[in-house]
All heavy atoms as atom14 arrays in JSON, in Angstrom:
{
  "sequence": "KIGEETGKLDEILNKTADFYDEELDSTIQTSVSMLEPVLIVVMGIIIG",
  "atom14_mask": [
    [1, 1, 1, 1, 1, 1, 1, 1, 1, 0, 0, 0, 0, 0],
    [1, 1, 1, 1, 1, 1, 1, 1, 0, 0, 0, 0, 0, 0],
    [1, 1, 1, 1, 0, 0, 0, 0, 0, 0, 0, 0, 0, 0],
    [1, 1, 1, 1, 1, 1, 1, 1, 1, 0, 0, 0, 0, 0],
    [1, 1, 1, 1, 1, 1, 1, 1, 1, 0, 0, 0, 0, 0],
    [1, 1, 1, 1, 1, 1, 1, 0, 0, 0, 0, 0, 0, 0],
    [1, 1, 1, 1, 0, 0, 0, 0, 0, 0, 0, 0, 0, 0],
    [1, 1, 1, 1, 1, 1, 1, 1, 1, 0, 0, 0, 0, 0],
    [1, 1, 1, 1, 1, 1, 1, 1, 0, 0, 0, 0, 0, 0],
    [1, 1, 1, 1, 1, 1, 1, 1, 0, 0, 0, 0, 0, 0],
    [1, 1, 1, 1, 1, 1, 1, 1, 1, 0, 0, 0, 0, 0],
    [1, 1, 1, 1, 1, 1, 1, 1, 0, 0, 0, 0, 0, 0],
    [1, 1, 1, 1, 1, 1, 1, 1, 0, 0, 0, 0, 0, 0],
    [1, 1, 1, 1, 1, 1, 1, 1, 0, 0, 0, 0, 0, 0],
    [1, 1, 1, 1, 1, 1, 1, 1, 1, 0, 0, 0, 0, 0],
    [1, 1, 1, 1, 1, 1, 1, 0, 0, 0, 0, 0, 0, 0],
    [1, 1, 1, 1, 1, 0, 0, 0, 0, 0, 0, 0, 0, 0],
    [1, 1, 1, 1, 1, 1, 1, 1, 0, 0, 0, 0, 0, 0],
    [1, 1, 1, 1, 1, 1, 1, 1, 1, 1, 1, 0, 0, 0],
    [1, 1, 1, 1, 1, 1, 1, 1, 1, 1, 1, 1, 0, 0],
    [1, 1, 1, 1, 1, 1, 1, 1, 0, 0, 0, 0, 0, 0],
    [1, 1, 1, 1, 1, 1, 1, 1, 1, 0, 0, 0, 0, 0],
    [1, 1, 1, 1, 1, 1, 1, 1, 1, 0, 0, 0, 0, 0],
    [1, 1, 1, 1, 1, 1, 1, 1, 0, 0, 0, 0, 0, 0],
    [1, 1, 1, 1, 1, 1, 1, 1, 0, 0, 0, 0, 0, 0],
    [1, 1, 1, 1, 1, 1, 0, 0, 0, 0, 0, 0, 0, 0],
    [1, 1, 1, 1, 1, 1, 1, 0, 0, 0, 0, 0, 0, 0],
    [1, 1, 1, 1, 1, 1, 1, 1, 0, 0, 0, 0, 0, 0],
    [1, 1, 1, 1, 1, 1, 1, 1, 1, 0, 0, 0, 0, 0],
    [1, 1, 1, 1, 1, 1, 1, 0, 0, 0, 0, 0, 0, 0],
    [1, 1, 1, 1, 1, 1, 0, 0, 0, 0, 0, 0, 0, 0],
    [1, 1, 1, 1, 1, 1, 1, 0, 0, 0, 0, 0, 0, 0],
    [1, 1, 1, 1, 1, 1, 0, 0, 0, 0, 0, 0, 0, 0],
    [1, 1, 1, 1, 1, 1, 1, 1, 0, 0, 0, 0, 0, 0],
    [1, 1, 1, 1, 1, 1, 1, 1, 0, 0, 0, 0, 0, 0],
    [1, 1, 1, 1, 1, 1, 1, 1, 1, 0, 0, 0, 0, 0],
    [1, 1, 1, 1, 1, 1, 1, 0, 0, 0, 0, 0, 0, 0],
    [1, 1, 1, 1, 1, 1, 1, 0, 0, 0, 0, 0, 0, 0],
    [1, 1, 1, 1, 1, 1, 1, 1, 0, 0, 0, 0, 0, 0],
    [1, 1, 1, 1, 1, 1, 1, 1, 0, 0, 0, 0, 0, 0],
    [1, 1, 1, 1, 1, 1, 1, 0, 0, 0, 0, 0, 0, 0],
    [1, 1, 1, 1, 1, 1, 1, 0, 0, 0, 0, 0, 0, 0],
    [1, 1, 1, 1, 1, 1, 1, 1, 0, 0, 0, 0, 0, 0],
    [1, 1, 1, 1, 0, 0, 0, 0, 0, 0, 0, 0, 0, 0],
    [1, 1, 1, 1, 1, 1, 1, 1, 0, 0, 0, 0, 0, 0],
    [1, 1, 1, 1, 1, 1, 1, 1, 0, 0, 0, 0, 0, 0],
    [1, 1, 1, 1, 1, 1, 1, 1, 0, 0, 0, 0, 0, 0],
    [1, 1, 1, 1, 0, 0, 0, 0, 0, 0, 0, 0, 0, 0]
  ],
  "atom14_positions": [
    [[-17.43, 4.37, -6.0], [-18.48, 4.18, -7.05], [-17.99, 3.52, -8.23], [-18.69, 2.55, -8.86], [-18.96, 5.64, -7.47], [-20.23, 5.53, -8.41], [-20.75, 7.02, -8.65], [-21.99, 6.91, -9.55], [-22.49, 8.32, -9.91], [0.0, 0.0, 0.0], [0.0, 0.0, 0.0], [0.0, 0.0, 0.0], [0.0, 0.0, 0.0], [0.0, 0.0, 0.0]],
    [[-16.85, 3.81, -8.82], [-16.3, 3.07, -10.01], [-15.98, 1.7, -9.53], [-16.38, 0.81, -10.3], [-14.96, 3.79, -10.4], [-15.2, 5.13, -10.76], [-14.14, 2.89, -11.41], [-13.93, 6.04, -11.1], [0.0, 0.0, 0.0], [0.0, 0.0, 0.0], [0.0, 0.0, 0.0], [0.0, 0.0, 0.0], [0.0, 0.0, 0.0], [0.0, 0.0, 0.0]],
    [[-15.49, 1.3, -8.4], [-15.2, -0.03, -7.97], [-16.49, -0.97, -7.91], [-16.53, -2.06, -8.26], [0.0, 0.0, 0.0], [0.0, 0.0, 0.0], [0.0, 0.0, 0.0], [0.0, 0.0, 0.0], [0.0, 0.0, 0.0], [0.0, 0.0, 0.0], [0.0, 0.0, 0.0], [0.0, 0.0, 0.0], [0.0, 0.0, 0.0], [0.0, 0.0, 0.0]],
    [[-17.6, -0.18, -7.34], [-18.75, -0.98, -7.38], [-19.4, -1.18, -8.68], [-20.0, -2.23, -9.05], [-19.82, -0.14, -6.5], [-19.52, -0.27, -4.95], [-20.53, 0.38, -4.17], [-21.0, 1.54, -4.47], [-20.88, -0.22, -3.01], [0.0, 0.0, 0.0], [0.0, 0.0, 0.0], [0.0, 0.0, 0.0], [0.0, 0.0, 0.0], [0.0, 0.0, 0.0]],
    [[-19.25, -0.27, -9.58], [-19.8, -0.31, -10.9], [-19.15, -1.4, -11.82], [-19.7, -2.06, -12.58], [-19.87, 0.98, -11.67], [-20.92, 1.97, -11.02], [-20.67, 3.39, -11.7], [-19.73, 3.56, -12.42], [-21.65, 4.26, -11.43], [0.0, 0.0, 0.0], [0.0, 0.0, 0.0], [0.0, 0.0, 0.0], [0.0, 0.0, 0.0], [0.0, 0.0, 0.0]],
    [[-17.85, -1.53, -11.55], [-16.9, -2.48, -12.4], [-16.79, -3.8, -11.69], [-16.35, -4.68, -12.37], [-15.58, -1.84, -12.55], [-14.97, -1.64, -11.33], [-15.67, -0.53, -13.41], [0.0, 0.0, 0.0], [0.0, 0.0, 0.0], [0.0, 0.0, 0.0], [0.0, 0.0, 0.0], [0.0, 0.0, 0.0], [0.0, 0.0, 0.0], [0.0, 0.0, 0.0]],
    [[-17.26, -3.89, -10.44], [-17.01, -5.2, -9.66], [-15.71, -5.47, -9.28], [-15.37, -6.58, -8.91], [0.0, 0.0, 0.0], [0.0, 0.0, 0.0], [0.0, 0.0, 0.0], [0.0, 0.0, 0.0], [0.0, 0.0, 0.0], [0.0, 0.0, 0.0], [0.0, 0.0, 0.0], [0.0, 0.0, 0.0], [0.0, 0.0, 0.0], [0.0, 0.0, 0.0]],
    [[-14.69, -4.52, -9.25], [-13.49, -4.56, -8.8], [-13.14, -3.61, -7.63], [-12.22, -2.83, -7.59], [-12.5, -4.3, -9.91], [-12.65, -5.24, -11.17], [-11.77, -4.74, -12.21], [-11.86, -5.76, -13.49], [-11.05, -5.42, -14.61], [0.0, 0.0, 0.0], [0.0, 0.0, 0.0], [0.0, 0.0, 0.0], [0.0, 0.0, 0.0], [0.0, 0.0, 0.0]],
    [[-14.02, -3.67, -6.66], [-13.91, -2.8, -5.5], [-12.54, -3.01, -4.65], [-11.89, -2.07, -4.32], [-15.04, -3.12, -4.54], [-15.15, -2.12, -3.31], [-15.26, -0.63, -3.78], [-16.26, -2.42, -2.27], [0.0, 0.0, 0.0], [0.0, 0.0, 0.0], [0.0, 0.0, 0.0], [0.0, 0.0, 0.0], [0.0, 0.0, 0.0], [0.0, 0.0, 0.0]],
    [[-12.12, -4.21, -4.62], [-10.93, -4.53, -3.81], [-9.73, -3.86, -4.58], [-8.86, -3.27, -3.98], [-10.72, -5.93, -3.52], [-10.76, -6.83, -4.85], [-11.41, -6.43, -5.84], [-10.13, -7.96, -4.89], [0.0, 0.0, 0.0], [0.0, 0.0, 0.0], [0.0, 0.0, 0.0], [0.0, 0.0, 0.0], [0.0, 0.0, 0.0], [0.0, 0.0, 0.0]],
    [[-9.71, -4.04, -5.85], [-8.55, -3.56, -6.65], [-8.46, -2.0, -6.59], [-7.49, -1.39, -6.46], [-8.61, -4.03, -8.05], [-8.31, -5.52, -8.27], [-8.47, -5.97, -9.76], [-8.44, -5.15, -10.59], [-8.67, -7.21, -9.93], [0.0, 0.0, 0.0], [0.0, 0.0, 0.0], [0.0, 0.0, 0.0], [0.0, 0.0, 0.0], [0.0, 0.0, 0.0]],
    [[-9.69, -1.35, -6.8], [-9.73, 0.13, -6.73], [-9.43, 0.64, -5.5], [-8.74, 1.65, -5.36], [-11.18, 0.49, -7.05], [-11.72, 0.15, -8.6], [-11.32, 2.08, -6.9], [-10.8, 0.86, -9.63], [0.0, 0.0, 0.0], [0.0, 0.0, 0.0], [0.0, 0.0, 0.0], [0.0, 0.0, 0.0], [0.0, 0.0, 0.0], [0.0, 0.0, 0.0]],
    [[-9.82, -0.11, -4.38], [-9.47, 0.45, -3.04], [-8.09, 0.31, -2.71], [-7.31, 1.1, -2.08], [-10.24, -0.35, -1.86], [-11.77, 0.0, -1.76], [-12.44, -1.06, -0.92], [-12.01, 1.42, -1.22], [0.0, 0.0, 0.0], [0.0, 0.0, 0.0], [0.0, 0.0, 0.0], [0.0, 0.0, 0.0], [0.0, 0.0, 0.0], [0.0, 0.0, 0.0]],
    [[-7.43, -0.77, -3.28], [-5.96, -0.94, -3.05], [-5.13, 0.11, -3.86], [-4.24, 0.65, -3.3], [-5.51, -2.37, -3.66], [-4.22, -2.72, -3.26], [-3.85, -2.62, -2.05], [-3.46, -3.2, -4.24], [0.0, 0.0, 0.0], [0.0, 0.0, 0.0], [0.0, 0.0, 0.0], [0.0, 0.0, 0.0], [0.0, 0.0, 0.0], [0.0, 0.0, 0.0]],
    [[-5.6, 0.4, -5.04], [-4.92, 1.57, -5.77], [-5.1, 2.91, -5.17], [-4.15, 3.68, -5.04], [-5.54, 1.58, -7.28], [-5.01, 0.48, -8.08], [-5.59, 0.39, -9.5], [-5.16, -0.86, -10.33], [-5.8, -0.85, -11.65], [0.0, 0.0, 0.0], [0.0, 0.0, 0.0], [0.0, 0.0, 0.0], [0.0, 0.0, 0.0], [0.0, 0.0, 0.0]],
    [[-6.3, 3.04, -4.5], [-6.74, 4.24, -3.85], [-5.77, 4.41, -2.72], [-5.26, 5.4, -2.23], [-8.02, 4.29, -3.44], [-8.81, 4.12, -4.57], [-8.41, 5.71, -2.77], [0.0, 0.0, 0.0], [0.0, 0.0, 0.0], [0.0, 0.0, 0.0], [0.0, 0.0, 0.0], [0.0, 0.0, 0.0], [0.0, 0.0, 0.0], [0.0, 0.0, 0.0]],
    [[-5.59, 3.23, -1.9], [-4.72, 3.14, -0.74], [-3.24, 3.55, -0.99], [-2.54, 4.49, -0.35], [-4.76, 1.84, -0.15], [0.0, 0.0, 0.0], [0.0, 0.0, 0.0], [0.0, 0.0, 0.0], [0.0, 0.0, 0.0], [0.0, 0.0, 0.0], [0.0, 0.0, 0.0], [0.0, 0.0, 0.0], [0.0, 0.0, 0.0], [0.0, 0.0, 0.0]],
    [[-2.74, 3.16, -2.14], [-1.37, 3.55, -2.65], [-1.34, 4.97, -2.88], [-0.26, 5.61, -2.57], [-1.12, 2.66, -3.88], [-0.95, 1.28, -3.65], [-0.55, 0.88, -2.51], [-1.11, 0.5, -4.59], [0.0, 0.0, 0.0], [0.0, 0.0, 0.0], [0.0, 0.0, 0.0], [0.0, 0.0, 0.0], [0.0, 0.0, 0.0], [0.0, 0.0, 0.0]],
    [[-2.47, 5.57, -3.51], [-2.51, 7.0, -3.86], [-2.39, 7.81, -2.5], [-1.55, 8.76, -2.29], [-3.63, 7.3, -4.49], [-3.91, 8.83, -4.72], [-3.17, 9.55, -5.62], [-4.89, 9.49, -3.84], [-3.51, 10.91, -5.64], [-5.02, 10.93, -3.95], [-4.35, 11.49, -4.8], [0.0, 0.0, 0.0], [0.0, 0.0, 0.0], [0.0, 0.0, 0.0]],
    [[-3.18, 7.35, -1.45], [-3.22, 8.07, -0.27], [-1.96, 7.77, 0.67], [-1.75, 8.63, 1.53], [-4.49, 7.79, 0.45], [-5.75, 8.46, 0.02], [-6.83, 7.79, -0.56], [-5.76, 9.89, 0.05], [-7.87, 8.45, -1.07], [-6.87, 10.6, -0.41], [-8.01, 9.77, -1.06], [-8.95, 10.61, -1.56], [0.0, 0.0, 0.0], [0.0, 0.0, 0.0]],
    [[-1.24, 6.75, 0.44], [0.02, 6.6, 1.03], [0.87, 7.71, 0.7], [1.63, 8.25, 1.53], [0.7, 5.17, 0.71], [0.14, 4.17, 1.56], [-0.5, 4.24, 2.51], [0.28, 3.0, 1.08], [0.0, 0.0, 0.0], [0.0, 0.0, 0.0], [0.0, 0.0, 0.0], [0.0, 0.0, 0.0], [0.0, 0.0, 0.0], [0.0, 0.0, 0.0]],
    [[1.1, 8.02, -0.67], [1.83, 9.16, -1.05], [1.35, 10.39, -0.56], [2.15, 11.31, -0.21], [1.8, 9.16, -2.72], [2.53, 7.91, -3.19], [2.52, 7.9, -4.74], [2.12, 8.96, -5.34], [2.91, 6.81, -5.29], [0.0, 0.0, 0.0], [0.0, 0.0, 0.0], [0.0, 0.0, 0.0], [0.0, 0.0, 0.0], [0.0, 0.0, 0.0]],
    [[-0.12, 10.67, -0.6], [-0.63, 11.82, -0.01], [-0.24, 11.92, 1.46], [-0.02, 13.19, 1.96], [-2.14, 11.85, -0.09], [-2.61, 12.05, -1.58], [-2.47, 13.54, -1.93], [-3.01, 14.41, -1.27], [-1.59, 13.87, -2.8], [0.0, 0.0, 0.0], [0.0, 0.0, 0.0], [0.0, 0.0, 0.0], [0.0, 0.0, 0.0], [0.0, 0.0, 0.0]],
    [[-0.24, 10.78, 2.16], [0.18, 10.87, 3.57], [1.69, 11.39, 3.73], [1.78, 12.25, 4.59], [-0.09, 9.51, 4.25], [0.29, 9.44, 5.68], [-0.63, 10.19, 6.54], [0.17, 8.01, 6.14], [0.0, 0.0, 0.0], [0.0, 0.0, 0.0], [0.0, 0.0, 0.0], [0.0, 0.0, 0.0], [0.0, 0.0, 0.0], [0.0, 0.0, 0.0]],
    [[2.48, 10.95, 3.01], [3.99, 11.45, 3.06], [3.86, 12.96, 2.93], [4.71, 13.66, 3.52], [4.73, 10.72, 1.97], [5.02, 9.34, 2.29], [4.98, 8.95, 3.43], [5.31, 8.5, 1.32], [0.0, 0.0, 0.0], [0.0, 0.0, 0.0], [0.0, 0.0, 0.0], [0.0, 0.0, 0.0], [0.0, 0.0, 0.0], [0.0, 0.0, 0.0]],
    [[3.25, 13.44, 1.83], [3.14, 14.84, 1.61], [2.54, 15.61, 2.8], [3.1, 16.72, 3.18], [2.35, 15.13, 0.25], [2.22, 16.49, 0.18], [0.0, 0.0, 0.0], [0.0, 0.0, 0.0], [0.0, 0.0, 0.0], [0.0, 0.0, 0.0], [0.0, 0.0, 0.0], [0.0, 0.0, 0.0], [0.0, 0.0, 0.0], [0.0, 0.0, 0.0]],
    [[1.54, 15.04, 3.33], [0.88, 15.7, 4.39], [1.66, 15.72, 5.69], [1.76, 16.83, 6.42], [-0.56, 14.91, 4.81], [-1.36, 14.87, 3.6], [-1.27, 15.58, 5.83], [0.0, 0.0, 0.0], [0.0, 0.0, 0.0], [0.0, 0.0, 0.0], [0.0, 0.0, 0.0], [0.0, 0.0, 0.0], [0.0, 0.0, 0.0], [0.0, 0.0, 0.0]],
    [[2.47, 14.68, 5.96], [3.37, 14.71, 7.07], [4.51, 15.8, 6.98], [4.71, 16.47, 7.9], [4.0, 13.3, 7.24], [3.07, 12.26, 7.63], [5.38, 13.33, 8.23], [3.67, 10.86, 7.62], [0.0, 0.0, 0.0], [0.0, 0.0, 0.0], [0.0, 0.0, 0.0], [0.0, 0.0, 0.0], [0.0, 0.0, 0.0], [0.0, 0.0, 0.0]],
    [[5.0, 15.87, 5.77], [6.04, 16.94, 5.45], [5.41, 18.29, 5.72], [6.0, 19.26, 6.33], [6.64, 16.81, 4.22], [7.29, 15.54, 3.86], [8.68, 15.34, 4.76], [9.1, 16.38, 5.1], [8.82, 14.08, 5.19], [0.0, 0.0, 0.0], [0.0, 0.0, 0.0], [0.0, 0.0, 0.0], [0.0, 0.0, 0.0], [0.0, 0.0, 0.0]],
    [[4.23, 18.44, 5.22], [3.52, 19.86, 5.26], [3.28, 20.11, 6.79], [3.39, 21.33, 7.18], [2.21, 19.81, 4.42], [2.47, 19.43, 3.14], [1.56, 21.28, 4.55], [0.0, 0.0, 0.0], [0.0, 0.0, 0.0], [0.0, 0.0, 0.0], [0.0, 0.0, 0.0], [0.0, 0.0, 0.0], [0.0, 0.0, 0.0], [0.0, 0.0, 0.0]],
    [[2.68, 19.15, 7.53], [2.31, 19.36, 8.81], [3.57, 19.71, 9.72], [3.5, 20.57, 10.63], [1.7, 18.14, 9.48], [0.48, 17.8, 8.68], [0.0, 0.0, 0.0], [0.0, 0.0, 0.0], [0.0, 0.0, 0.0], [0.0, 0.0, 0.0], [0.0, 0.0, 0.0], [0.0, 0.0, 0.0], [0.0, 0.0, 0.0], [0.0, 0.0, 0.0]],
    [[4.72, 18.93, 9.45], [5.94, 19.3, 10.23], [6.38, 20.74, 9.88], [6.83, 21.46, 10.83], [7.0, 18.23, 10.05], [8.26, 18.64, 10.55], [6.59, 16.82, 10.49], [0.0, 0.0, 0.0], [0.0, 0.0, 0.0], [0.0, 0.0, 0.0], [0.0, 0.0, 0.0], [0.0, 0.0, 0.0], [0.0, 0.0, 0.0], [0.0, 0.0, 0.0]],
    [[6.33, 20.9, 8.57], [6.94, 22.33, 8.19], [6.1, 23.55, 8.76], [6.65, 24.53, 8.82], [6.93, 22.5, 6.71], [5.72, 22.18, 6.05], [0.0, 0.0, 0.0], [0.0, 0.0, 0.0], [0.0, 0.0, 0.0], [0.0, 0.0, 0.0], [0.0, 0.0, 0.0], [0.0, 0.0, 0.0], [0.0, 0.0, 0.0], [0.0, 0.0, 0.0]],
    [[4.82, 23.18, 8.93], [3.96, 24.2, 9.61], [4.12, 24.27, 11.14], [4.01, 25.31, 11.76], [2.5, 23.89, 9.2], [2.12, 24.21, 7.81], [0.37, 23.66, 7.55], [-0.56, 24.71, 8.57], [0.0, 0.0, 0.0], [0.0, 0.0, 0.0], [0.0, 0.0, 0.0], [0.0, 0.0, 0.0], [0.0, 0.0, 0.0], [0.0, 0.0, 0.0]],
    [[4.35, 23.14, 11.64], [4.55, 22.88, 13.1], [5.75, 23.68, 13.72], [5.84, 24.26, 14.75], [4.46, 21.5, 13.58], [4.09, 21.26, 15.12], [2.93, 21.91, 15.53], [4.12, 19.74, 15.31], [0.0, 0.0, 0.0], [0.0, 0.0, 0.0], [0.0, 0.0, 0.0], [0.0, 0.0, 0.0], [0.0, 0.0, 0.0], [0.0, 0.0, 0.0]],
    [[6.9, 23.46, 12.95], [8.13, 23.95, 13.38], [8.17, 25.44, 13.58], [8.6, 25.89, 14.59], [9.27, 23.42, 12.39], [9.58, 22.01, 12.46], [10.54, 21.55, 11.35], [11.07, 22.42, 10.58], [10.71, 20.43, 11.24], [0.0, 0.0, 0.0], [0.0, 0.0, 0.0], [0.0, 0.0, 0.0], [0.0, 0.0, 0.0], [0.0, 0.0, 0.0]],
    [[7.76, 26.25, 12.58], [7.75, 27.74, 12.72], [6.8, 28.24, 13.92], [7.11, 29.19, 14.58], [7.33, 28.28, 11.46], [6.66, 27.14, 10.71], [7.43, 25.97, 11.16], [0.0, 0.0, 0.0], [0.0, 0.0, 0.0], [0.0, 0.0, 0.0], [0.0, 0.0, 0.0], [0.0, 0.0, 0.0], [0.0, 0.0, 0.0], [0.0, 0.0, 0.0]],
    [[5.76, 27.5, 14.12], [4.84, 27.74, 15.15], [5.49, 27.62, 16.51], [5.4, 28.44, 17.39], [3.5, 26.95, 15.12], [2.63, 27.08, 16.31], [2.7, 27.45, 13.84], [0.0, 0.0, 0.0], [0.0, 0.0, 0.0], [0.0, 0.0, 0.0], [0.0, 0.0, 0.0], [0.0, 0.0, 0.0], [0.0, 0.0, 0.0], [0.0, 0.0, 0.0]],
    [[6.15, 26.5, 16.64], [6.85, 26.19, 17.95], [8.11, 27.24, 18.12], [8.16, 27.61, 19.38], [7.41, 24.76, 17.84], [6.58, 23.64, 18.09], [7.24, 22.21, 17.75], [5.88, 23.62, 19.51], [0.0, 0.0, 0.0], [0.0, 0.0, 0.0], [0.0, 0.0, 0.0], [0.0, 0.0, 0.0], [0.0, 0.0, 0.0], [0.0, 0.0, 0.0]],
    [[8.69, 27.67, 17.09], [9.71, 28.52, 17.28], [9.19, 30.01, 17.69], [9.81, 30.65, 18.49], [10.53, 28.69, 15.92], [11.4, 27.46, 15.68], [11.56, 29.78, 15.95], [11.98, 27.24, 14.24], [0.0, 0.0, 0.0], [0.0, 0.0, 0.0], [0.0, 0.0, 0.0], [0.0, 0.0, 0.0], [0.0, 0.0, 0.0], [0.0, 0.0, 0.0]],
    [[8.05, 30.35, 17.13], [7.42, 31.6, 17.46], [7.0, 31.53, 18.93], [7.23, 32.6, 19.65], [6.23, 31.93, 16.49], [5.36, 33.12, 16.99], [6.75, 32.29, 15.09], [0.0, 0.0, 0.0], [0.0, 0.0, 0.0], [0.0, 0.0, 0.0], [0.0, 0.0, 0.0], [0.0, 0.0, 0.0], [0.0, 0.0, 0.0], [0.0, 0.0, 0.0]],
    [[6.39, 30.49, 19.32], [5.91, 30.39, 20.73], [7.1, 30.41, 21.64], [7.05, 31.14, 22.62], [5.08, 29.05, 20.8], [4.75, 28.86, 22.45], [3.78, 29.15, 20.22], [0.0, 0.0, 0.0], [0.0, 0.0, 0.0], [0.0, 0.0, 0.0], [0.0, 0.0, 0.0], [0.0, 0.0, 0.0], [0.0, 0.0, 0.0], [0.0, 0.0, 0.0]],
    [[8.19, 29.68, 21.27], [9.34, 29.69, 22.16], [10.0, 31.1, 22.25], [10.34, 31.58, 23.2], [10.45, 28.84, 21.51], [10.11, 27.3, 21.72], [11.33, 26.29, 20.81], [12.85, 27.02, 21.31], [0.0, 0.0, 0.0], [0.0, 0.0, 0.0], [0.0, 0.0, 0.0], [0.0, 0.0, 0.0], [0.0, 0.0, 0.0], [0.0, 0.0, 0.0]],
    [[10.01, 31.76, 21.06], [10.59, 33.09, 21.03], [9.61, 34.15, 21.86], [10.31, 34.95, 22.67], [0.0, 0.0, 0.0], [0.0, 0.0, 0.0], [0.0, 0.0, 0.0], [0.0, 0.0, 0.0], [0.0, 0.0, 0.0], [0.0, 0.0, 0.0], [0.0, 0.0, 0.0], [0.0, 0.0, 0.0], [0.0, 0.0, 0.0], [0.0, 0.0, 0.0]],
    [[8.32, 33.98, 21.87], [7.53, 34.84, 22.7], [7.66, 34.6, 24.09], [7.83, 35.66, 24.87], [6.09, 34.54, 22.28], [5.72, 35.18, 20.74], [5.08, 35.32, 23.28], [4.39, 34.73, 20.33], [0.0, 0.0, 0.0], [0.0, 0.0, 0.0], [0.0, 0.0, 0.0], [0.0, 0.0, 0.0], [0.0, 0.0, 0.0], [0.0, 0.0, 0.0]],
    [[7.84, 33.24, 24.54], [7.93, 33.1, 26.09], [9.31, 33.49, 26.72], [9.33, 34.21, 27.48], [7.7, 31.45, 26.24], [6.22, 31.07, 25.95], [8.06, 31.24, 27.72], [5.98, 29.5, 25.97], [0.0, 0.0, 0.0], [0.0, 0.0, 0.0], [0.0, 0.0, 0.0], [0.0, 0.0, 0.0], [0.0, 0.0, 0.0], [0.0, 0.0, 0.0]],
    [[10.36, 33.17, 25.78], [11.67, 33.45, 26.28], [11.89, 34.95, 26.17], [12.53, 35.69, 27.07], [12.79, 32.57, 25.45], [12.65, 31.16, 25.76], [14.34, 33.23, 25.83], [13.63, 30.39, 25.0], [0.0, 0.0, 0.0], [0.0, 0.0, 0.0], [0.0, 0.0, 0.0], [0.0, 0.0, 0.0], [0.0, 0.0, 0.0], [0.0, 0.0, 0.0]],
    [[11.36, 35.7, 25.1], [11.46, 37.02, 24.85], [10.75, 37.74, 26.12], [11.23, 38.82, 26.53], [0.0, 0.0, 0.0], [0.0, 0.0, 0.0], [0.0, 0.0, 0.0], [0.0, 0.0, 0.0], [0.0, 0.0, 0.0], [0.0, 0.0, 0.0], [0.0, 0.0, 0.0], [0.0, 0.0, 0.0], [0.0, 0.0, 0.0], [0.0, 0.0, 0.0]]
  ]
}
């Protein structure tokens, strides 16, 4: 909405992409940190 109102949609989208690049890094770390204990618990249940 800001990009359309200012006529700088490409610049705003580029800055937004940079922001979500950093968010993606954080999301990857969070997803892996959540997935690891789940896998360990499942492994423990099966082998147990």
